[in-house]
Every structure is written in C-alpha cells, then in structure tokens.
C-alpha cells in the first residue's frame, strides 16, 4: 500500500511542486486548502491520488485535528502553509502571528490526533539563518537570525523574516518541551523562482518571488528606464520540492537544510531574457556589469546531504518566462 503524505497549504507555489513530485513517486497526498473551490481545482490537476481537507484558518485552535483524524493513513506531514505578502495592514496580525500559530497548531494536532506520523518537514526560509534584515549576510545551518520581535513588526521584509524565524523557533521549543514521537526538520530555500507546477497557474500575475524576473518584462527598450539593482542567491522551485522529498526519505531529525543553487543579479536576469527572448525588445542595461559569482557553493553540508544536481539560473529563468508568455498570449 502506498504511503500517504499530508501537505498543508497545498495551493502554494512550492507546495504544488511538492505534491506533484510526491504523486510521481507513488505517494498518496492529502492537501489542506482554504476553500472547496481551491480543493477541486487541485484535484482536477493532480488526479485521483490527491484528496483535500478544508482548513480555513491556520490560527484557529485545533484547525488540523479533524483533518488528521479523518486520515489515519498519513505517516508524514509537510507544513508549507505560511503567509507571504508584499503588503499587510498589520504586520504582526497578518504575517507574524499566523506563521507562528499555524506551525504550533500543526504540531499540536499531529501529536494529539495523528500518533502514526513519524516525520514532519517544515518549509522555512534561508532568511532564518541570516543576520537581521541584511539579505547579503552569510547563511549557514548553524546560524540563527537575531531579529527582534519589535523590529519584525516595522516593515514587510522584516515581518517576513521574523515570521519565518519565530515560527521555526516555536517548532524547536515545541519539540523540546512536548517531546513528541515524531522528528522535525526544516527546509530553508533562498530566493525561489521557476515555472508553476501547471501551465494554467502561470496566467495573470506570478507569485511574489517570480516577479523578480517577470517584472523586468515591463522594461521595454523603446520606453527607456533604469534597471533596478538587486543580487543574491536563488534556487529553482523544482529543487526545493525535491529537497522536501529527500528529507522524507533520509534521516533528518533536527536538520536545518539550506537549499540554494547559484548567484543572481537583475542584470543577469536581463541578460538571460535578452539572449533567449530577443523579440521582447527589453532594455540592455550594462550587460558586463553588476554580475555575481555563479559558482556560489555556500553551505557544503546541505549540498552534500541533498546530493541534488541543481537547476542553473538560465534554465530556471527561461522555463519560467516561456511558460508565463505562453499562458498570457
């Protein structure tokens, strides 16, 4: 009998790739969604080995208990649900607390209602391993972001960093105090780009992280304009999903696995777009300037542990934009 995995926040960008790869590996998958319409849409895309449970609010006490009790066949839980938004009316209420409370509610529900679950994988972020809000600082599995709760409430970027950091710390505290019979590990992707799991999901506006690339499509040569400067480290969404599956199948108790491919800059994004989509007639910027070292290695432990042959920057950008243009003809 095929193993069954539960994926919270199954409509998410990363989550859909996780579900897709789980199904391809022979798992049955139960996903949590916020509405029946979203669940039915996923079921249509994923097929008969996918089912869904409606969990309208992650913060509600006991939100996952009923869903887990209905599925005693679930043996692994992947928690991907967490708020990601560029704007919020109240950073604490809309971003920070839902991430913390949602994570704690999941862990409580598994302990009380799903004793057969032995492994929990939480989708965290590379920002929990950085220094405060300095996105250029060095991350590693052994470091923790020292951002304060008060600083996290000040703006959207800080709120996102705080939400991921505090949610992960809450998970660590839960394990230490509650001593559940399941192991918890965390996956920490850096900037995630890549195609949607299904072409239909690429219609309209892409998810927030992909706008780093798709936003450049508005910079037409005929209209001029300056290229926004940004650089960092990226990872393709398909590799992030693969990392979750590896974490299921390997011993990972307590591991904080940093997932990253290579460096990027907005100029490199633009160079790739102009090379592969010349018909878009985008600005050229300064093609030989503001480039980064694309042989970035970073945390060797994570790379050796995962053993992934990471998708490179050019393939990731081309796959993303090709799908986006086809979907929005």
Protein backbone atom coordinates (compact mmCIF):
# COMPACT_ATOMS: atom_id res chain seq x y z
CA UNK A 1 0.00 0.00 0.00
CA UNK A 2 1.33 3.42 -1.00
CA UNK A 3 2.42 5.78 1.77
CA UNK A 4 0.35 8.91 2.34
CA UNK A 5 1.69 12.40 2.95
CA UNK A 6 -0.22 15.44 4.22
CA UNK A 7 0.76 18.80 2.70
CA UNK A 8 -0.54 21.95 4.37
CA UNK A 9 -1.14 24.98 2.16
CA UNK A 10 -1.33 22.79 -0.92
CA UNK A 11 -2.26 25.65 -3.26
CA UNK A 12 1.10 27.38 -2.73
CA UNK A 13 3.81 27.80 -5.35
CA UNK A 14 6.29 25.45 -3.66
CA UNK A 15 3.56 23.17 -2.27
CA UNK A 16 2.12 22.32 -5.68
CA UNK A 17 5.52 21.16 -6.86
CA UNK A 18 5.93 19.09 -3.70
CA UNK A 19 2.54 17.44 -4.25
CA UNK A 20 3.34 16.82 -7.91
CA UNK A 21 6.65 15.13 -7.09
CA UNK A 22 5.12 13.10 -4.26
CA UNK A 23 2.47 11.75 -6.63
CA UNK A 24 5.10 10.97 -9.25
CA UNK A 25 6.97 8.95 -6.62
CA UNK A 26 3.89 6.90 -5.82
CA UNK A 27 2.66 8.61 -2.68
CA UNK A 28 -0.96 9.38 -1.99
CA UNK A 29 -1.36 13.00 -0.91
CA UNK A 30 -3.84 14.86 1.28
CA UNK A 31 -3.61 18.64 0.99
CA UNK A 32 -5.12 21.38 3.11
CA UNK A 33 -6.85 24.23 1.29
CA UNK A 34 -8.92 27.23 2.37
CA UNK A 35 -11.99 26.51 0.23
CA UNK A 36 -13.75 23.77 -1.69
CA UNK A 37 -13.24 25.58 -5.00
CA UNK A 38 -9.47 25.62 -4.49
CA UNK A 39 -9.51 21.97 -3.47
CA UNK A 40 -11.49 20.92 -6.53
CA UNK A 41 -9.12 22.83 -8.80
CA UNK A 42 -6.15 20.99 -7.33
CA UNK A 43 -7.92 17.65 -7.55
CA UNK A 44 -8.60 18.27 -11.23
CA UNK A 45 -4.90 18.97 -11.83
CA UNK A 46 -3.46 16.22 -9.62
CA UNK A 47 -5.86 13.34 -10.19
CA UNK A 48 -7.34 10.57 -8.10
CA UNK A 49 -4.41 10.02 -5.71
CA UNK A 50 -4.87 13.53 -4.33
CA UNK A 51 -7.57 14.49 -1.85
CA UNK A 52 -8.08 17.62 0.20
CA UNK A 53 -9.26 18.89 3.55
CA UNK A 54 -10.59 22.41 4.08
CA UNK A 55 -8.72 24.34 6.78
CA UNK A 56 -9.96 27.91 6.54
CA UNK A 57 -7.75 29.48 9.20
CA UNK A 58 -4.33 28.21 10.33
CA UNK A 59 -4.56 30.17 13.57
CA UNK A 60 -7.74 28.53 14.82
CA UNK A 61 -7.01 26.24 17.75
CA UNK A 62 -7.42 22.63 16.61
CA UNK A 63 -7.59 23.66 12.94
CA UNK A 64 -5.91 20.45 11.74
CA UNK A 65 -7.25 17.96 14.29
CA UNK A 66 -10.35 16.86 12.39
CA UNK A 67 -8.49 16.68 9.10
CA UNK A 68 -5.82 14.40 10.56
CA UNK A 69 -8.32 12.19 12.38
CA UNK A 70 -10.04 11.57 9.05
CA UNK A 71 -6.77 10.32 7.57
CA UNK A 72 -5.13 7.73 9.83
CA UNK A 73 -3.16 6.56 6.78
CA UNK A 74 -0.99 9.72 6.83
CA UNK A 75 2.54 8.96 8.02
CA UNK A 76 4.43 12.13 7.05
CA UNK A 77 3.40 15.78 7.30
CA UNK A 78 4.87 18.59 5.19
CA UNK A 79 3.99 22.02 6.55
CA UNK A 80 4.31 24.60 3.77
CA UNK A 81 1.44 26.93 4.71
CA UNK A 82 2.63 30.37 5.80
CA UNK A 83 1.67 33.94 4.85
CA UNK A 84 3.77 35.54 2.10
CA UNK A 85 2.67 39.01 1.10
CA UNK A 86 4.30 42.23 -0.07
CA UNK A 87 1.79 44.38 1.79
CA UNK A 88 -0.13 43.93 5.02
CA UNK A 89 -2.31 46.24 7.05
CA UNK A 90 -0.86 44.89 10.29
CA UNK A 91 2.48 43.08 10.05
CA UNK A 92 2.09 41.31 13.37
CA UNK A 93 -1.51 40.23 12.86
CA UNK A 94 -1.31 39.39 9.15
CA UNK A 95 2.18 37.89 8.81
CA UNK A 96 4.00 37.11 12.06
CA UNK A 97 1.31 35.56 14.26
CA UNK A 98 -0.27 33.37 11.53
CA UNK A 99 3.14 31.83 10.82
CA UNK A 100 3.87 31.12 14.48
CA UNK A 101 0.40 29.95 15.48
CA UNK A 102 -0.09 27.94 12.30
CA UNK A 103 3.12 26.00 12.93
CA UNK A 104 2.29 25.34 16.58
CA UNK A 105 -1.28 24.28 15.71
CA UNK A 106 0.05 21.78 13.17
CA UNK A 107 2.48 20.25 15.67
CA UNK A 108 -0.19 20.07 18.41
CA UNK A 109 -2.62 18.39 16.02
CA UNK A 110 -0.09 15.79 14.90
CA UNK A 111 0.81 14.94 18.49
CA UNK A 112 -2.79 14.61 19.65
CA UNK A 113 -4.58 13.33 16.55
CA UNK A 114 -2.01 11.55 14.37
CA UNK A 115 0.31 9.41 16.53
CA UNK A 116 1.21 7.38 13.45
CA UNK A 117 3.06 10.36 11.90
CA UNK A 118 6.79 9.91 12.46
CA UNK A 119 8.26 12.72 10.38
CA UNK A 120 7.40 16.41 9.96
CA UNK A 121 9.08 18.62 7.36
CA UNK A 122 8.59 22.39 7.72
CA UNK A 123 9.20 24.78 4.83
CA UNK A 124 11.18 27.59 6.40
CA UNK A 125 13.47 30.07 4.62
CA UNK A 126 17.12 30.93 4.24
CA UNK A 127 16.37 34.25 5.97
CA UNK A 128 16.16 32.49 9.36
CA UNK A 129 19.89 31.82 9.01
CA UNK A 130 20.90 35.39 8.03
CA UNK A 131 21.89 38.38 10.18
CA UNK A 132 18.84 40.53 10.94
CA UNK A 133 17.40 42.10 7.79
CA UNK A 134 20.76 42.06 5.97
CA UNK A 135 19.94 39.86 2.99
CA UNK A 136 23.57 39.97 1.86
CA UNK A 137 24.89 38.32 5.03
CA UNK A 138 26.12 34.72 5.03
CA UNK A 139 23.69 31.95 5.91
CA UNK A 140 24.51 28.52 7.26
CA UNK A 141 22.73 25.67 9.02
CA UNK A 142 24.40 26.64 12.28
CA UNK A 143 23.30 30.28 12.47
CA UNK A 144 20.04 31.86 13.63
CA UNK A 145 18.63 35.24 12.70
CA UNK A 146 18.73 37.53 15.74
CA UNK A 147 15.91 39.83 14.59
CA UNK A 148 13.81 41.11 17.48
CA UNK A 149 10.04 40.87 17.63
CA UNK A 150 9.70 44.65 17.72
CA UNK A 151 11.93 45.07 14.65
CA UNK A 152 9.94 42.42 12.81
CA UNK A 153 6.77 44.48 13.14
CA UNK A 154 8.26 47.57 11.48
CA UNK A 155 8.01 46.70 7.76
CA UNK A 156 7.05 43.93 5.35
CA UNK A 157 10.51 42.47 4.75
CA UNK A 158 11.30 42.40 8.47
CA UNK A 159 7.89 40.85 9.16
CA UNK A 160 8.55 38.04 6.69
CA UNK A 161 12.00 37.40 8.18
CA UNK A 162 10.57 37.48 11.69
CA UNK A 163 7.62 35.24 10.83
CA UNK A 164 9.87 32.50 9.47
CA UNK A 165 12.40 32.83 12.28
CA UNK A 166 9.88 32.87 15.14
CA UNK A 167 7.83 30.02 13.62
CA UNK A 168 10.93 27.85 13.37
CA UNK A 169 11.95 28.69 16.94
CA UNK A 170 8.42 27.83 18.10
CA UNK A 171 8.78 24.43 16.43
CA UNK A 172 12.11 23.82 18.17
CA UNK A 173 10.59 24.82 21.52
CA UNK A 174 7.60 22.53 20.94
CA UNK A 175 9.85 19.54 20.31
CA UNK A 176 11.99 20.31 23.36
CA UNK A 177 9.06 20.76 25.75
CA UNK A 178 6.43 18.38 24.36
CA UNK A 179 8.80 15.59 23.28
CA UNK A 180 6.53 14.24 20.52
CA UNK A 181 7.14 10.87 18.89
CA UNK A 182 7.83 12.49 15.51
CA UNK A 183 11.02 14.04 14.14
CA UNK A 184 11.01 17.62 12.82
CA UNK A 185 13.35 19.06 10.22
CA UNK A 186 13.27 22.30 8.23
CA UNK A 187 13.99 23.18 4.61
CA UNK A 188 15.48 26.65 4.03
CA UNK A 189 15.27 27.86 0.42
CA UNK A 190 16.77 31.16 -0.68
CA UNK A 191 15.01 33.23 -3.40
CA UNK A 192 12.76 30.72 -5.19
CA UNK A 193 11.99 31.14 -8.88
CA UNK A 194 10.88 28.72 -11.54
CA UNK A 195 7.81 27.66 -13.52
CA UNK A 196 4.45 26.93 -11.95
CA UNK A 197 3.54 23.29 -11.41
CA UNK A 198 0.80 23.67 -14.05
CA UNK A 199 0.69 26.00 -17.04
CA UNK A 200 -2.75 27.26 -16.02
CA UNK A 201 -1.24 28.70 -12.83
CA UNK A 202 1.04 30.99 -14.88
CA UNK A 203 -1.85 33.05 -16.20
CA UNK A 204 -2.02 36.58 -14.85
CA UNK A 205 0.42 37.73 -12.19
CA UNK A 206 3.07 35.31 -10.96
CA UNK A 207 3.83 34.61 -7.30
CA UNK A 208 5.86 37.20 -5.41
CA UNK A 209 9.35 35.70 -5.77
CA UNK A 210 8.99 35.22 -9.54
CA UNK A 211 8.23 38.91 -10.00
CA UNK A 212 11.97 39.50 -9.55
CA UNK A 213 12.17 38.17 -13.13
CA UNK A 214 8.73 38.81 -14.65
CA UNK A 215 8.80 42.44 -13.53
CA UNK A 216 11.67 43.05 -15.96
CA UNK A 217 9.35 42.33 -18.90
CA UNK A 218 7.97 45.85 -18.49
CA UNK A 219 11.36 47.44 -19.22
CA UNK A 220 10.95 47.94 -22.95
CA UNK A 221 13.87 49.41 -24.89
CA UNK A 222 11.56 51.84 -26.67
CA UNK A 223 10.44 53.31 -23.36
CA UNK A 224 13.82 53.53 -21.64
CA UNK A 225 14.02 53.34 -17.87
CA UNK A 226 16.59 52.22 -15.34
CA UNK A 227 17.29 48.66 -14.29
CA UNK A 228 16.64 48.07 -10.58
CA UNK A 229 19.73 46.66 -8.89
CA UNK A 230 19.44 43.53 -6.81
CA UNK A 231 21.55 40.45 -6.27
CA UNK A 232 21.62 37.36 -4.12
CA UNK A 233 21.31 33.59 -4.29
CA UNK A 234 18.47 31.71 -5.97
CA UNK A 235 17.09 28.19 -6.13
CA UNK A 236 14.64 26.65 -8.57
CA UNK A 237 11.28 25.64 -7.12
CA UNK A 238 11.64 22.11 -8.53
CA UNK A 239 14.81 21.64 -6.50
CA UNK A 240 13.08 22.98 -3.37
CA UNK A 241 10.36 20.35 -3.82
CA UNK A 242 12.95 17.64 -4.39
CA UNK A 243 14.70 18.65 -1.16
CA UNK A 244 11.47 18.03 0.75
CA UNK A 245 11.21 14.53 -0.69
CA UNK A 246 14.83 13.78 0.18
CA UNK A 247 14.13 14.95 3.74
CA UNK A 248 11.28 12.44 3.95
CA UNK A 249 13.45 9.56 2.86
CA UNK A 250 16.69 10.35 4.72
CA UNK A 251 17.36 10.72 8.47
CA UNK A 252 16.80 14.42 9.12
CA UNK A 253 15.82 14.86 12.74
CA UNK A 254 16.57 18.47 13.68
CA UNK A 255 18.41 19.30 10.46
CA UNK A 256 18.07 22.82 9.02
CA UNK A 257 18.74 22.19 5.34
CA UNK A 258 19.77 25.26 3.32
CA UNK A 259 18.69 24.91 -0.32
CA UNK A 260 20.46 27.08 -2.91
CA UNK A 261 21.72 26.89 -6.47
CA UNK A 262 23.82 29.87 -7.57
CA UNK A 263 24.11 33.64 -7.55
CA UNK A 264 21.88 36.07 -9.45
CA UNK A 265 21.62 39.76 -10.20
CA UNK A 266 18.93 41.71 -12.02
CA UNK A 267 21.45 42.37 -14.78
CA UNK A 268 22.00 38.64 -15.21
CA UNK A 269 18.24 38.10 -15.32
CA UNK A 270 18.08 40.75 -18.04
CA UNK A 271 20.99 39.24 -19.99
CA UNK A 272 19.24 35.85 -20.00
CA UNK A 273 15.95 37.40 -21.14
CA UNK A 274 17.60 39.34 -23.97
CA UNK A 275 19.51 36.25 -25.11
CA UNK A 276 16.52 33.91 -25.13
CA UNK A 277 13.62 36.28 -25.84
CA UNK A 278 15.02 38.99 -28.17
CA UNK A 279 11.52 39.57 -29.55
CA UNK A 280 10.56 41.20 -26.24
CA UNK A 281 12.87 44.12 -27.09
CA UNK A 282 13.86 44.84 -23.49
CA UNK A 283 16.43 47.38 -22.31
CA UNK A 284 20.01 46.13 -22.31
CA UNK A 285 21.26 47.67 -19.07
CA UNK A 286 25.02 47.16 -18.69
CA UNK A 287 25.47 43.55 -19.86
CA UNK A 288 29.01 43.09 -18.47
CA UNK A 289 28.49 44.88 -15.14
CA UNK A 290 26.83 44.01 -11.82
CA UNK A 291 27.35 40.27 -12.32
CA UNK A 292 27.88 37.82 -9.46
CA UNK A 293 29.85 34.64 -9.00
CA UNK A 294 27.58 31.94 -10.39
CA UNK A 295 29.81 29.25 -8.95
CA UNK A 296 28.44 30.02 -5.48
CA UNK A 297 28.72 26.97 -3.22
CA UNK A 298 27.83 28.23 0.25
CA UNK A 299 26.88 25.66 2.87
CA UNK A 300 28.62 22.50 1.74
CA UNK A 301 26.86 20.27 4.30
CA UNK A 302 23.45 20.97 2.80
CA UNK A 303 24.59 20.39 -0.75
CA UNK A 304 26.34 17.14 0.12
CA UNK A 305 23.37 15.96 2.17
CA UNK A 306 20.83 16.60 -0.57
CA UNK A 307 23.01 15.40 -3.44
CA UNK A 308 20.99 17.42 -5.93
CA UNK A 309 22.16 18.35 -9.40
CA UNK A 310 20.82 21.89 -9.06
CA UNK A 311 19.00 23.61 -11.91
CA UNK A 312 21.01 26.61 -13.10
CA UNK A 313 19.92 30.23 -13.36
CA UNK A 314 19.45 30.36 -17.13
CA UNK A 315 17.29 27.26 -17.35
CA UNK A 316 15.16 28.41 -14.42
CA UNK A 317 14.58 31.88 -15.88
CA UNK A 318 13.86 30.57 -19.39
CA UNK A 319 11.42 27.91 -18.16
CA UNK A 320 9.62 30.48 -16.01
CA UNK A 321 9.24 33.18 -18.65
CA UNK A 322 8.48 30.79 -21.52
CA UNK A 323 5.60 29.33 -19.52
CA UNK A 324 4.42 32.79 -18.48
CA UNK A 325 4.41 34.15 -22.04
CA UNK A 326 2.60 31.11 -23.40
CA UNK A 327 -0.05 31.32 -20.68
CA UNK A 328 -0.65 35.03 -21.24
CA UNK A 329 -0.78 35.23 -25.04
